[in-house]
Protein backbone atom coordinates (compact mmCIF):
# COMPACT_ATOMS: atom_id res chain seq x y z
CA MET A 1 26.24 6.38 -46.74
CA ALA A 2 24.02 3.46 -45.75
CA SER A 3 20.29 4.00 -46.16
CA GLN A 4 18.03 3.77 -43.09
CA THR A 5 15.08 1.42 -42.87
CA PHE A 6 11.94 2.61 -41.10
CA GLU A 7 9.22 0.30 -39.88
CA GLU A 8 6.14 0.36 -37.71
CA ILE A 9 5.59 -2.12 -34.86
CA SER A 10 2.38 -2.95 -33.03
CA PRO A 11 1.80 -2.31 -29.29
CA ALA A 12 2.07 -6.06 -28.67
CA ASP A 13 5.40 -6.15 -30.51
CA PHE A 14 6.65 -3.17 -28.49
CA PHE A 15 5.88 -4.84 -25.17
CA TYR A 16 7.22 -8.16 -26.47
CA ARG A 17 10.55 -6.41 -27.04
CA ASN A 18 10.37 -4.32 -23.86
CA ARG A 19 8.47 -6.52 -21.41
CA GLU A 20 10.59 -5.32 -18.47
CA ILE A 21 8.73 -1.98 -18.72
CA ALA A 22 5.56 -3.77 -17.53
CA GLY A 23 7.36 -5.54 -14.68
CA PHE A 24 8.30 -8.80 -16.46
CA THR A 25 12.02 -8.25 -15.91
CA ASN A 26 13.17 -11.75 -14.89
CA PRO A 27 11.62 -15.18 -14.13
CA SER A 28 10.87 -14.46 -10.46
CA ARG A 29 9.51 -10.95 -11.07
CA ALA A 30 7.50 -12.20 -14.07
CA ILE A 31 5.65 -14.89 -12.15
CA PHE A 32 4.82 -12.36 -9.42
CA ALA A 33 3.61 -9.82 -12.01
CA ALA A 34 1.42 -12.39 -13.80
CA ILE A 35 -0.31 -13.42 -10.56
CA ARG A 36 -0.75 -9.83 -9.44
CA GLU A 37 -2.23 -8.60 -12.72
CA LEU A 38 -4.81 -11.38 -12.90
CA VAL A 39 -5.80 -11.12 -9.22
CA GLU A 40 -6.34 -7.38 -9.60
CA ASN A 41 -8.53 -7.96 -12.65
CA SER A 42 -10.55 -10.46 -10.61
CA LEU A 43 -10.98 -8.04 -7.69
CA ASP A 44 -12.17 -5.29 -10.05
CA ALA A 45 -14.59 -7.68 -11.78
CA ALA A 46 -16.16 -8.80 -8.50
CA GLU A 47 -16.51 -5.23 -7.24
CA ALA A 48 -18.11 -4.23 -10.55
CA PHE A 49 -20.66 -7.00 -9.97
CA ALA A 50 -21.18 -5.76 -6.36
CA VAL A 51 -20.33 -9.11 -4.77
CA PRO A 52 -17.59 -9.85 -2.21
CA PRO A 53 -14.73 -11.40 -4.22
CA ASN A 54 -13.96 -15.12 -4.10
CA ILE A 55 -10.64 -15.65 -5.85
CA TYR A 56 -8.88 -18.97 -6.38
CA VAL A 57 -5.26 -19.04 -7.58
CA ARG A 58 -3.38 -22.24 -8.36
CA LEU A 59 0.22 -22.47 -9.54
CA SER A 60 1.31 -25.99 -10.46
CA ASP A 61 4.33 -27.58 -12.12
CA GLU A 62 3.65 -28.06 -15.82
CA GLN A 63 3.61 -31.76 -16.65
CA ASP A 64 6.06 -33.04 -19.29
CA SER A 65 7.83 -29.66 -19.50
CA THR A 66 11.22 -28.31 -18.60
CA PRO A 67 11.81 -27.36 -14.93
CA GLY A 68 10.70 -23.84 -14.15
CA THR A 69 7.55 -24.06 -16.29
CA TYR A 70 4.26 -23.60 -14.43
CA LEU A 71 0.55 -23.71 -15.13
CA LEU A 72 -1.22 -20.70 -13.63
CA ARG A 73 -4.99 -20.74 -13.05
CA VAL A 74 -6.96 -17.79 -11.64
CA GLN A 75 -10.71 -18.04 -11.08
CA ASP A 76 -13.12 -15.41 -9.78
CA ASN A 77 -16.82 -14.77 -9.19
CA GLY A 78 -16.86 -11.41 -10.93
CA SER A 79 -19.01 -9.89 -13.63
CA GLY A 80 -17.58 -12.06 -16.40
CA ILE A 81 -16.80 -10.93 -19.94
CA THR A 82 -19.17 -10.93 -22.88
CA SER A 83 -18.33 -13.50 -25.57
CA ARG A 84 -17.34 -10.99 -28.27
CA HIS A 85 -14.86 -9.24 -25.96
CA ILE A 86 -13.12 -12.30 -24.47
CA PRO A 87 -10.52 -12.75 -27.26
CA SER A 88 -9.51 -9.08 -27.34
CA ALA A 89 -9.52 -8.73 -23.54
CA PHE A 90 -6.72 -11.32 -23.30
CA GLY A 91 -5.23 -11.25 -26.78
CA GLN A 92 -4.87 -7.58 -27.65
CA VAL A 93 -2.51 -5.20 -25.85
CA LEU A 94 -4.05 -1.87 -24.77
CA PHE A 95 -7.61 -3.18 -25.00
CA GLY A 96 -9.66 -3.02 -21.82
CA SER A 97 -12.48 -1.57 -19.77
CA LYS A 98 -10.36 0.64 -17.50
CA TYR A 99 -9.91 3.75 -19.61
CA LYS A 100 -12.88 5.46 -17.96
CA LEU A 101 -12.17 8.44 -15.75
CA LYS A 102 -12.73 6.84 -12.35
CA GLN A 103 -10.71 4.95 -9.76
CA SER A 104 -9.67 1.44 -10.78
CA ARG A 105 -6.78 -0.90 -10.05
CA GLY A 106 -5.77 -1.23 -13.69
CA THR A 107 -4.39 1.75 -15.54
CA PHE A 108 -2.79 0.86 -18.84
CA GLY A 109 -4.88 -2.02 -20.25
CA LEU A 110 -1.82 -4.25 -20.13
CA GLY A 111 -2.35 -6.58 -17.17
CA GLY A 112 -4.09 -9.76 -18.29
CA THR A 113 -2.88 -9.57 -21.87
CA MET A 114 0.72 -8.94 -20.83
CA ALA A 115 0.63 -12.02 -18.57
CA VAL A 116 -0.78 -14.15 -21.42
CA LEU A 117 1.78 -12.66 -23.84
CA TYR A 118 4.65 -13.48 -21.48
CA GLY A 119 3.36 -17.05 -21.13
CA GLN A 120 3.18 -17.40 -24.90
CA ILE A 121 6.69 -16.12 -25.61
CA THR A 122 8.24 -18.36 -22.93
CA THR A 123 6.28 -21.60 -23.56
CA HIS A 124 4.59 -21.11 -26.96
CA LYS A 125 1.35 -22.51 -25.52
CA PRO A 126 -2.13 -20.99 -25.84
CA ALA A 127 -4.16 -19.54 -22.98
CA GLN A 128 -7.54 -20.91 -22.01
CA ILE A 129 -10.26 -18.43 -21.03
CA ILE A 130 -13.66 -19.47 -19.61
CA SER A 131 -16.21 -16.80 -18.76
CA SER A 132 -19.90 -16.12 -18.25
CA THR A 133 -21.96 -13.08 -17.30
CA ALA A 134 -24.55 -15.23 -15.43
CA SER A 135 -26.36 -15.89 -18.70
CA SER A 136 -27.48 -19.33 -19.86
CA LYS A 137 -24.15 -19.89 -21.64
CA VAL A 138 -20.51 -20.30 -20.68
CA TYR A 139 -17.91 -19.44 -23.31
CA LYS A 140 -14.61 -21.25 -23.53
CA TYR A 141 -11.74 -19.99 -25.71
CA ARG A 142 -8.21 -21.12 -26.48
CA ILE A 143 -6.28 -18.15 -27.82
CA MET A 144 -2.83 -16.90 -28.72
CA VAL A 145 -1.59 -13.40 -29.53
CA ASP A 146 -0.58 -12.36 -33.03
CA ILE A 147 2.27 -10.16 -31.84
CA GLN A 148 2.97 -8.45 -35.16
CA ARG A 149 -0.65 -7.41 -35.71
CA ASN A 150 -1.66 -7.06 -32.01
CA LYS A 151 -4.69 -9.29 -32.59
CA PRO A 152 -6.02 -12.38 -30.84
CA VAL A 153 -5.79 -15.71 -32.67
CA ILE A 154 -8.75 -17.94 -31.74
CA LEU A 155 -7.72 -21.59 -31.78
CA GLU A 156 -10.91 -22.97 -30.25
CA ARG A 157 -14.30 -21.61 -29.25
CA ARG A 158 -16.88 -23.65 -27.37
CA ILE A 159 -20.27 -22.80 -25.89
CA LEU A 160 -21.39 -24.70 -22.77
CA LEU A 161 -24.70 -24.67 -20.91
CA ASN A 162 -24.71 -22.63 -17.71
CA ARG A 163 -27.31 -24.45 -15.62
CA ASP A 164 -26.12 -22.89 -12.34
CA ARG A 165 -26.03 -19.36 -13.77
CA TRP A 166 -22.38 -19.11 -12.80
CA HIS A 167 -20.68 -15.77 -13.34
CA GLY A 168 -17.00 -15.05 -13.40
CA THR A 169 -13.83 -15.70 -15.36
CA ILE A 170 -11.21 -18.45 -15.37
CA VAL A 171 -7.80 -17.77 -16.93
CA GLU A 172 -5.30 -20.59 -17.36
CA PHE A 173 -1.97 -20.57 -19.20
CA SER A 174 1.62 -21.82 -18.98
CA LEU A 175 4.61 -19.62 -18.25
CA GLU A 176 8.24 -19.84 -17.27
CA GLY A 177 9.19 -18.51 -13.88
CA ASP A 178 11.14 -18.95 -10.67
CA TYR A 179 8.48 -19.46 -8.03
CA TYR A 180 10.81 -20.31 -5.15
CA ARG A 181 12.71 -17.05 -5.51
CA ALA A 182 9.46 -15.14 -5.93
CA MET A 183 7.61 -16.99 -3.13
CA PRO A 184 8.25 -14.45 -0.30
CA LYS A 185 6.95 -11.59 -2.47
CA ILE A 186 3.97 -13.60 -3.72
CA LEU A 187 2.89 -14.61 -0.20
CA ASP A 188 3.46 -11.06 1.02
CA TYR A 189 1.34 -9.82 -1.87
CA PHE A 190 -1.57 -12.08 -0.87
CA LYS A 191 -1.28 -11.06 2.80
CA GLN A 192 -1.29 -7.38 1.97
CA THR A 193 -4.09 -7.78 -0.59
CA ALA A 194 -6.19 -9.47 2.10
CA LEU A 195 -5.33 -6.63 4.50
CA VAL A 196 -6.50 -3.88 2.14
CA ASN A 197 -9.44 -5.91 0.78
CA PRO A 198 -10.89 -7.38 4.01
CA TYR A 199 -14.13 -8.29 2.21
CA ALA A 200 -12.38 -10.77 -0.12
CA ASN A 201 -11.80 -14.53 0.15
CA ILE A 202 -8.49 -15.45 -1.47
CA THR A 203 -7.20 -19.02 -1.85
CA PHE A 204 -3.74 -19.82 -3.16
CA VAL A 205 -2.33 -23.27 -3.90
CA ASP A 206 1.40 -23.36 -4.60
CA PRO A 207 3.38 -25.91 -6.68
CA LYS A 208 4.03 -28.06 -3.57
CA GLY A 209 0.29 -28.31 -2.93
CA ARG A 210 0.43 -26.03 0.10
CA LEU A 211 -2.85 -24.21 0.69
CA TYR A 212 -2.96 -20.57 1.81
CA LYS A 213 -6.38 -19.18 2.71
CA PHE A 214 -7.15 -15.55 3.44
CA THR A 215 -10.71 -15.36 4.74
CA ARG A 216 -12.83 -12.23 4.61
CA VAL A 217 -13.69 -10.54 7.90
CA THR A 218 -16.64 -8.58 6.54
CA THR A 219 -19.02 -8.55 3.60
CA LYS A 220 -19.25 -4.76 3.64
CA MET A 221 -17.63 -3.25 0.55
CA PRO A 222 -16.57 0.31 -0.32
CA SER A 223 -18.97 2.38 -2.35
CA PRO A 224 -18.22 1.91 -6.07
CA PRO A 225 -16.63 4.87 -7.87
CA LYS A 226 -18.64 6.80 -10.43
CA GLU A 227 -17.39 7.79 -13.85
CA THR A 228 -16.61 11.48 -14.10
CA LEU A 229 -15.74 14.17 -16.65
CA PRO A 230 -12.28 15.73 -17.00
CA HIS A 231 -11.61 18.71 -14.78
CA PRO A 232 -10.46 21.90 -16.56
CA TYR A 233 -7.19 21.93 -14.56
CA GLY A 234 -6.39 18.40 -15.73
CA VAL A 235 -6.80 18.73 -19.52
CA ASP A 236 -4.28 19.56 -22.22
CA VAL A 237 -4.50 20.74 -25.82
CA GLU A 238 -4.92 17.24 -27.24
CA LYS A 239 -7.80 16.44 -24.87
CA VAL A 240 -9.66 19.63 -25.77
CA LYS A 241 -9.08 18.96 -29.50
CA ARG A 242 -10.71 15.54 -29.09
CA LEU A 243 -13.68 17.03 -27.22
CA VAL A 244 -14.12 19.71 -29.88
CA ARG A 245 -14.09 17.01 -32.57
CA VAL A 246 -16.93 14.98 -30.97
CA THR A 247 -19.07 17.62 -29.27
CA PRO A 248 -22.74 17.82 -30.37
CA HIS A 249 -23.00 21.40 -29.07
CA ASN A 250 -22.71 24.48 -31.24
CA ASN A 251 -21.92 27.11 -28.59
CA MET A 252 -19.16 27.47 -26.00
CA LEU A 253 -21.53 27.74 -23.03
CA ASP A 254 -23.05 24.29 -23.59
CA PHE A 255 -19.63 22.90 -24.53
CA MET A 256 -18.12 23.90 -21.17
CA LYS A 257 -21.13 22.69 -19.17
CA SER A 258 -21.35 19.29 -20.88
CA HIS A 259 -17.73 18.20 -21.24
CA PHE A 260 -16.07 19.35 -18.02
CA HIS A 261 -16.41 18.39 -14.38
CA ARG A 262 -18.40 20.64 -12.00
CA ILE A 263 -18.98 23.47 -14.48
CA SER A 264 -22.33 25.15 -13.83
CA GLU A 265 -23.88 27.70 -16.16
CA ASN A 266 -22.70 30.63 -14.03
CA ILE A 267 -19.13 29.33 -13.81
CA ALA A 268 -19.14 28.66 -17.57
CA LYS A 269 -20.32 32.23 -18.28
CA ARG A 270 -17.69 33.77 -16.00
CA PHE A 271 -14.90 31.64 -17.45
CA ILE A 272 -15.86 32.38 -21.09
CA GLU A 273 -15.86 36.07 -20.25
CA PHE A 274 -12.45 35.66 -18.52
CA ALA A 275 -11.09 33.82 -21.57
CA ASP A 276 -12.43 36.53 -23.88
CA ILE A 277 -14.39 34.05 -26.03
CA SER A 278 -17.89 34.64 -27.35
CA PRO A 279 -20.41 32.33 -25.60
CA LYS A 280 -22.13 31.81 -28.97
CA LYS A 281 -18.99 30.68 -30.78
CA ASN A 282 -19.19 27.17 -32.23
CA PRO A 283 -16.49 25.07 -30.48
CA ARG A 284 -15.99 23.00 -33.66
CA LYS A 285 -14.80 26.18 -35.39
CA LEU A 286 -12.02 26.88 -32.89
CA ASN A 287 -8.69 27.06 -34.70
CA PRO A 288 -5.51 25.53 -33.18
CA GLN A 289 -4.33 28.85 -31.73
CA GLU A 290 -7.73 29.40 -30.06
CA ILE A 291 -7.66 25.89 -28.55
CA VAL A 292 -4.18 26.54 -27.10
CA LYS A 293 -5.41 29.85 -25.68
CA LEU A 294 -8.52 28.14 -24.21
CA VAL A 295 -6.40 25.56 -22.38
CA HIS A 296 -3.97 28.23 -21.17
CA MET A 297 -6.87 30.28 -19.74
CA MET A 298 -8.27 27.17 -18.00
CA LYS A 299 -4.99 26.78 -16.12
CA ARG A 300 -5.07 30.47 -15.10
CA TYR A 301 -8.71 30.68 -14.01
CA GLU A 302 -8.96 30.33 -10.21
CA ASP A 303 -12.72 30.02 -9.67
CA PHE A 304 -13.33 26.49 -10.94
CA ARG A 305 -14.71 24.26 -8.21
CA PRO A 306 -12.37 21.46 -7.04
CA PRO A 307 -13.09 17.97 -8.39
CA SER A 308 -15.68 15.86 -6.62
CA ALA A 309 -14.55 12.67 -4.86
CA SER A 310 -17.49 10.63 -6.21
CA CYS A 311 -15.14 9.07 -8.77
CA LEU A 312 -13.03 7.65 -5.92
CA SER A 313 -13.61 4.62 -3.72
CA PRO A 314 -11.51 4.85 -0.55
CA LEU A 315 -11.63 1.97 1.90
CA GLY A 316 -12.89 4.03 4.81
CA GLU A 317 -11.67 3.89 8.39
CA ASP A 318 -13.83 0.92 9.46
CA LEU A 319 -12.74 -1.40 6.63
CA LEU A 320 -9.10 -0.38 6.90
CA LYS A 321 -9.11 -1.00 10.64
CA ALA A 322 -10.81 -4.39 10.18
CA GLY A 323 -8.11 -5.44 7.71
CA ILE A 324 -5.29 -4.36 10.03
CA LEU A 325 -6.79 -6.12 13.05
CA LYS A 326 -7.18 -9.34 11.06
CA ALA A 327 -3.68 -9.27 9.53
CA LEU A 328 -1.52 -7.86 12.34
CA LYS A 329 -3.56 -8.32 15.57
CA PRO A 330 -2.01 -5.18 17.10
CA GLU A 331 -2.42 -3.81 20.63
CA PHE A 332 -3.16 -0.38 19.21
CA THR A 333 -4.50 0.88 15.87
CA ALA A 334 -5.15 4.40 14.62
CA VAL A 335 -6.69 5.12 11.22
CA CYS A 336 -7.13 8.43 9.40
CA GLN A 337 -8.87 9.30 6.14
CA ARG A 338 -7.85 12.70 4.80
CA LYS A 339 -10.28 14.99 3.01
CA PRO A 340 -10.25 14.83 -0.81
CA SER A 341 -7.52 16.86 -2.47
CA THR A 342 -6.25 17.36 -6.03
CA TYR A 343 -3.09 17.41 -8.08
CA ALA A 344 -3.10 18.67 -11.69
CA GLY A 345 -6.91 18.46 -11.73
CA HIS A 346 -6.98 14.83 -10.54
CA PRO A 347 -8.81 14.14 -7.25
CA PHE A 348 -7.15 11.89 -4.68
CA ILE A 349 -7.67 10.74 -1.11
CA VAL A 350 -4.94 9.59 1.28
CA GLU A 351 -5.68 7.08 4.03
CA THR A 352 -3.09 6.42 6.72
CA ALA A 353 -2.90 4.02 9.63
CA MET A 354 -0.49 3.10 12.39
CA ALA A 355 -0.41 -0.14 14.36
CA TYR A 356 1.64 -1.09 17.42
CA GLY A 357 2.50 -4.46 18.97
CA GLY A 358 0.66 -7.70 18.33
CA GLU A 359 2.22 -9.69 15.48
CA ILE A 360 4.28 -6.78 14.16
CA PRO A 361 7.94 -7.84 14.33
CA LYS A 362 10.75 -5.74 15.79
CA ARG A 363 13.31 -5.42 13.03
CA GLY A 364 15.16 -2.21 13.81
CA ASP A 365 13.01 -0.13 11.49
CA PHE A 366 9.35 0.68 10.98
CA ILE A 367 7.38 -1.57 8.63
CA LEU A 368 5.79 0.42 5.82
CA TYR A 369 2.80 -0.91 3.88
CA ARG A 370 2.16 1.02 0.67
CA PHE A 371 -1.05 0.79 -1.34
CA ALA A 372 -2.42 2.56 -4.41
CA ASN A 373 -6.07 2.02 -5.38
CA ARG A 374 -6.04 -1.06 -3.09
CA ILE A 375 -2.95 -2.51 -4.83
CA PRO A 376 0.00 -3.50 -2.59
CA LEU A 377 3.27 -1.94 -3.76
CA LEU A 378 6.11 -4.32 -2.87
CA TYR A 379 9.09 -3.28 -4.98
CA ASP A 380 11.26 -0.15 -5.17
CA GLU A 381 10.18 1.06 -1.72
CA ALA A 382 13.04 3.58 -1.36
CA SER A 383 11.82 5.51 -4.43
CA ASP A 384 8.27 5.97 -3.13
CA VAL A 385 6.91 9.25 -1.76
CA SER A 386 5.53 7.51 1.37
CA PHE A 387 8.92 5.99 2.21
CA ARG A 388 10.58 9.40 1.98
CA VAL A 389 7.96 10.96 4.26
CA VAL A 390 8.34 8.18 6.86
CA LYS A 391 12.16 8.38 6.73
CA SER A 392 12.24 12.15 7.25
CA PHE A 393 9.49 12.15 9.92
CA ASN A 394 10.42 13.38 13.42
CA TRP A 395 9.47 10.23 15.34
CA ARG A 396 11.08 11.31 18.63
CA ARG A 397 8.50 14.03 18.94
CA TYR A 398 5.85 11.31 19.11
CA LYS A 399 7.70 9.06 21.62
CA ALA A 400 8.35 6.45 18.92
CA SER A 401 11.67 4.80 18.14
CA GLN A 402 12.76 2.40 15.42
CA ASP A 403 13.20 -0.51 17.81
CA MET A 404 9.45 -0.51 18.52
CA PRO A 405 7.05 -2.91 16.75
CA ILE A 406 5.32 -0.23 14.66
CA ALA A 407 3.71 -0.57 11.23
CA VAL A 408 2.78 2.44 9.10
CA LEU A 409 0.21 2.08 6.32
CA VAL A 410 -0.38 4.56 3.49
CA HIS A 411 -3.18 4.12 0.93
CA ILE A 412 -3.53 6.57 -1.96
CA CYS A 413 -6.57 6.38 -4.22
CA SER A 414 -7.03 8.52 -7.30
CA THR A 415 -8.34 8.55 -10.85
CA LYS A 416 -4.70 8.83 -11.90
CA ILE A 417 -2.02 7.48 -9.58
CA PRO A 418 1.27 9.22 -10.49
CA TYR A 419 3.33 6.05 -10.93
CA LYS A 420 6.89 6.58 -12.10
CA THR A 421 6.91 3.42 -14.23
CA VAL A 422 4.45 1.20 -16.12
CA GLY A 423 5.28 -1.55 -13.60
CA LYS A 424 3.21 0.35 -10.98
CA GLU A 425 5.57 -0.12 -8.04
CA PHE A 426 6.24 3.34 -6.62
CA ILE A 427 4.59 6.75 -6.61
CA ALA A 428 6.17 9.99 -7.74
CA ASP A 429 7.04 12.70 -5.24
CA ARG A 430 4.16 15.07 -6.06
CA PRO A 431 4.08 17.99 -3.55
CA GLU A 432 0.28 17.76 -3.08
CA ILE A 433 0.39 14.02 -2.36
CA LYS A 434 3.46 14.34 -0.14
CA ARG A 435 1.69 16.99 1.95
CA GLU A 436 -1.41 14.82 2.46
CA VAL A 437 0.66 11.74 3.34
CA LEU A 438 2.64 13.78 5.88
CA ASN A 439 -0.50 15.23 7.49
CA GLY A 440 -2.13 11.81 7.62
CA ILE A 441 0.90 10.28 9.34
CA ARG A 442 0.99 13.18 11.80
CA ASP A 443 -2.64 12.51 12.70
CA VAL A 444 -2.16 8.83 13.54
CA ALA A 445 1.24 9.51 15.17
CA ARG A 446 -0.41 11.90 17.64
CA ARG A 447 -2.80 9.14 18.67
CA LEU A 448 0.10 6.69 18.96
CA LYS A 449 1.87 9.20 21.22
CA ARG A 450 -1.15 9.33 23.55
CA PHE A 451 -1.25 5.52 23.66
CA LEU A 452 2.48 5.25 24.40
CA SER A 453 2.28 7.99 27.05
CA LYS A 454 -0.61 6.25 28.79
CA ARG A 455 1.22 2.93 28.54
CA GLU A 456 4.33 4.48 30.04
CA HIS A 457 2.29 6.04 32.84
CA VAL A 458 0.58 2.73 33.63
CA ALA A 459 3.96 0.97 33.79
CA LYS A 460 5.32 3.67 36.08
CA GLU A 461 2.36 3.47 38.45
CA LYS A 462 2.59 -0.32 38.44
CA ARG A 463 6.21 -0.09 39.57
CA ARG A 464 5.17 2.40 42.25
CA LEU A 465 2.42 0.09 43.48
CA ASN A 466 4.86 -2.82 43.58
CA ILE A 467 7.15 -0.77 45.83
CA PHE A 468 4.21 -0.01 48.16
CA SER A 469 3.21 -3.69 48.21
CA LYS A 470 6.78 -4.76 48.98
CA TYR A 471 7.62 -2.33 51.79
CA LEU A 472 4.29 -1.50 53.48
CA PRO A 473 4.04 -4.88 55.29
CA LYS A 474 7.56 -4.38 56.70
CA ILE A 475 6.78 -0.79 57.75
CA ALA A 476 3.53 -1.95 59.38
CA LYS A 477 5.34 -4.66 61.33
CA PHE A 478 8.13 -2.29 62.44
CA THR A 479 5.73 0.47 63.58
CA THR A 480 3.61 -2.08 65.49
CA GLU A 481 6.66 -3.31 67.39
CA LEU A 482 7.85 0.25 67.98
CA ALA A 483 4.46 1.27 69.37
CA GLY A 484 4.34 -1.81 71.58
CA ARG A 485 1.09 -3.04 70.07
CA GLU A 486 0.14 -6.59 69.23
CA GLU A 487 -2.17 -6.01 66.25
CA GLU A 488 -0.69 -4.63 63.00
CA PRO A 489 -2.63 -1.93 61.10
CA ASP A 490 -4.71 -2.96 58.04
CA ILE A 491 -2.52 -2.02 55.05
CA GLU A 492 -5.02 -3.36 52.47
CA LYS A 493 -7.13 -0.21 52.82
CA LEU A 494 -4.08 1.92 52.10
CA LEU A 495 -3.11 -0.20 49.07
CA LEU A 496 -6.70 -0.04 47.81
CA SER A 497 -6.69 3.77 48.05
CA VAL A 498 -3.37 3.91 46.12
CA ARG A 499 -4.85 1.67 43.38
CA LYS A 500 -7.92 3.94 43.11
CA VAL A 501 -5.71 7.02 42.70
CA ASP A 502 -3.67 5.18 40.03
CA ARG A 503 -6.81 4.20 38.12
CA LYS A 504 -8.12 7.78 38.22
CA LYS A 505 -4.81 9.13 36.84
CA THR A 506 -4.83 6.51 34.09
CA ASP A 507 -8.41 7.31 33.07
CA ASP A 508 -7.60 11.01 32.97
């Protein structure tokens, strides 16, 4: 019998071998994923610095290289990265600033590093990172990834003077890709990103030198999310074990109040009594069986307050409407922001919108725009919870049909978006989220129904008025001749009275 060989691989090595998990499945998908990951990092960095984002993206043919090799450059005006963190931020998989419990675009700490890693394994060229936090210095690095050890390899480090106090980050590296196959998705990504981030300026230059500019329509930005504590309904045994290991408190009452979200002293007392645990017990002395029991009782206790939405940053109806008006120029727009809700202890907010007419094309089906934490979701639409809700929706009840130019928009923001894959392309069919999406679409569909009904009524009255205008002169002439009079009656007064009645009906 042959002996087995066991070995350990690093996170970087794992994603090197399984890069399709992170969305780098083929040359066209990879170039789209690299652009998307870096743009999302830039948007987060600018919002963290509380400035409207200015993002510049350039994709150019790599000189003296094989066809299909590009040089990607992404520049932003965000918060920048401190010098000691720059190498690890782009040269170490699963290293990042987005593991806090609050809403953010990134989730897994893969984005920028995975893009750099893909560029390295397809071109074997280093990445160049330039960044400053508005200090007196700008730091410039050339790095590669040590895949086996999951560590950055610094090839060059330079310090430049920052006379203008510039802040932001520039990432530039080579990668293989198929831009011309990916082009429709990339351009669609920029359009939808501009729609859901109407306060951002985005400039894209493609390999042919074509310039695409998406100009902000407002400088107003959503309120930034605040970091929060885990909610008792959202923790598991491992999470509680980690909290027990690091807690400075020596009694269960203070432990519950300090480490969990929205636990007051009274709620903590009632829960500890419900769980049959002494309030004076030292949490660090809980044995494994007691920790399992504690978590089980948390799931059963019904009097915890629901999570606060302060850790979320929804767009809001005004910003969402501004983005839709700029991108689609519709005749009608309805926007709805649902009240905060929760699934498995994680707060979330659903925003829905519906637009009619304008530049929305008629294509025999409704256009669905899907967003999660202000990220456009462009692939695997049929697997998404929003698509299933829209497909099963009773549109006839709302006077809508698939041949109409209608766009439906669904935005879900949460501390934990329930993606089905690491590639972050579609959202799982959670009952709580499905319910909120359905209710949000119902809300905007009712307003669309009123608009379509009024539009139908106006068209009907216009046809009626046209009939009056066509036949009244003939009737007036005939009745004048029949009565033996010379002067015809004034029909303008009658037409004016009909128009006034029509206007009153329309206003009502």
